[in-house]
Amino acid sequence: CGQEEEEEEEEEEEEEEEEEEEEEEEEEEEEEEEEEEEEEEEEEEEEEEEREREREREKERVGWMRLNNKRKRRAGETQSKTGKEKKCQRKEYKISTEKSLREENRLN
């Protein structure tokens, strides 16, 4: 009679231990999943921050390019000219060619 009780107690203890082990394993799995999620979130945040920094660098670069273009235009260094500048240039060319033609006619 005593032996049966001991066996039952041992079985109950084994079952309790198994349940505890299962609970511990589940907790560990949950912790691992949480850690993985946190790592993924951190990576996403870092990637977004890098994209934002890249956008800022691009804005800054474009800003400097515009500023340099303004400076060049003011200094007359750019090839792109406004409509007035092109018209003036054409007039100057026309006048210079007319003068050279007159001189050629005089010499002939």
Protein backbone atom coordinates (compact mmCIF):
# COMPACT_ATOMS: atom_id res chain seq x y z
CA CYS A 1 0.00 0.00 0.00
CA GLY A 2 2.82 2.39 0.91
CA GLN A 3 4.69 1.52 -2.25
CA GLU A 4 1.76 2.53 -4.44
CA GLU A 5 1.52 5.90 -2.70
CA GLU A 6 5.23 6.47 -3.23
CA GLU A 7 4.93 5.61 -6.90
CA GLU A 8 1.97 7.97 -7.29
CA GLU A 9 3.89 10.75 -5.55
CA GLU A 10 6.90 10.16 -7.79
CA GLU A 11 4.68 10.27 -10.89
CA GLU A 12 3.06 13.50 -9.69
CA GLU A 13 6.48 15.03 -9.04
CA GLU A 14 7.68 13.98 -12.49
CA GLU A 15 4.57 15.48 -14.10
CA GLU A 16 5.07 18.73 -12.17
CA GLU A 17 8.72 18.87 -13.23
CA GLU A 18 7.75 18.27 -16.87
CA GLU A 19 5.12 21.03 -16.68
CA GLU A 20 7.66 23.41 -15.15
CA GLU A 21 10.18 22.58 -17.87
CA GLU A 22 7.56 23.17 -20.57
CA GLU A 23 6.63 26.52 -19.01
CA GLU A 24 10.29 27.53 -18.85
CA GLU A 25 10.79 26.56 -22.49
CA GLU A 26 7.71 28.57 -23.50
CA GLU A 27 8.98 31.59 -21.55
CA GLU A 28 12.40 31.30 -23.20
CA GLU A 29 10.80 31.10 -26.64
CA GLU A 30 8.67 34.17 -25.90
CA GLU A 31 11.73 36.08 -24.70
CA GLU A 32 13.65 35.12 -27.84
CA GLU A 33 10.76 36.24 -30.04
CA GLU A 34 10.58 39.56 -28.18
CA GLU A 35 14.32 40.07 -28.58
CA GLU A 36 14.10 39.32 -32.31
CA GLU A 37 11.23 41.79 -32.70
CA GLU A 38 13.20 44.45 -30.83
CA GLU A 39 16.25 43.85 -33.02
CA GLU A 40 14.12 44.11 -36.17
CA GLU A 41 12.58 47.36 -34.92
CA GLU A 42 16.02 48.76 -34.13
CA GLU A 43 17.29 47.81 -37.59
CA GLU A 44 14.26 49.45 -39.22
CA GLU A 45 14.81 52.60 -37.16
CA GLU A 46 18.49 52.69 -38.11
CA GLU A 47 17.63 52.22 -41.79
CA GLU A 48 15.06 55.03 -41.62
CA GLU A 49 17.58 57.29 -39.89
CA GLU A 50 20.15 56.52 -42.60
CA ARG A 51 17.59 57.33 -45.32
CA GLU A 52 16.79 60.61 -43.56
CA ARG A 53 20.49 61.49 -43.33
CA GLU A 54 20.87 60.70 -47.03
CA ARG A 55 17.92 62.97 -47.86
CA GLU A 56 19.47 65.76 -45.81
CA ARG A 57 22.83 65.31 -47.56
CA GLU A 58 21.08 65.44 -50.94
CA LYS A 59 19.19 68.60 -49.96
CA GLU A 60 22.42 70.18 -48.81
CA ARG A 61 24.23 69.15 -52.00
CA VAL A 62 21.44 70.54 -54.19
CA GLY A 63 21.44 73.74 -52.14
CA TRP A 64 25.17 74.18 -52.65
CA MET A 65 24.82 73.47 -56.37
CA ARG A 66 22.13 76.16 -56.67
CA LEU A 67 24.23 78.61 -54.71
CA ASN A 68 27.26 77.92 -56.89
CA ASN A 69 25.15 78.32 -60.03
CA LYS A 70 23.91 81.70 -58.78
CA ARG A 71 27.47 82.80 -58.12
CA LYS A 72 28.57 81.65 -61.57
CA ARG A 73 25.67 83.45 -63.24
CA ARG A 74 26.55 86.63 -61.41
CA ALA A 75 30.15 86.22 -62.50
CA GLY A 76 29.05 85.40 -66.07
CA GLU A 77 30.68 81.99 -66.03
CA THR A 78 27.74 79.80 -66.91
CA GLN A 79 26.92 78.63 -70.38
CA SER A 80 23.21 78.87 -69.86
CA LYS A 81 22.06 82.35 -70.70
CA THR A 82 18.78 84.11 -70.30
CA GLY A 83 16.71 85.22 -73.28
CA LYS A 84 17.97 88.81 -73.03
CA GLU A 85 21.58 87.66 -72.96
CA LYS A 86 21.07 85.50 -76.06
CA LYS A 87 19.34 88.33 -77.91
CA CYS A 88 22.12 90.74 -77.01
CA GLN A 89 24.74 88.23 -78.11
CA ARG A 90 23.00 87.76 -81.48
CA LYS A 91 22.89 91.53 -82.01
CA GLU A 92 26.58 91.84 -81.20
CA TYR A 93 27.37 89.04 -83.66
CA LYS A 94 25.22 90.64 -86.36
CA ILE A 95 26.91 94.02 -85.88
CA SER A 96 30.38 92.51 -85.95
CA THR A 97 29.66 90.54 -89.13
CA GLU A 98 28.22 93.64 -90.82
CA LYS A 99 31.34 95.60 -89.93
CA SER A 100 33.61 92.91 -91.28
CA LEU A 101 31.57 92.75 -94.52
CA ARG A 102 31.83 96.55 -94.96
CA GLU A 103 35.57 96.42 -94.49
CA GLU A 104 35.86 93.64 -97.07
CA ASN A 105 33.81 95.70 -99.54
CA ARG A 106 36.05 98.74 -99.00
CA LEU A 107 39.15 96.71 -99.62
CA ASN A 108 37.75 95.23 -102.83
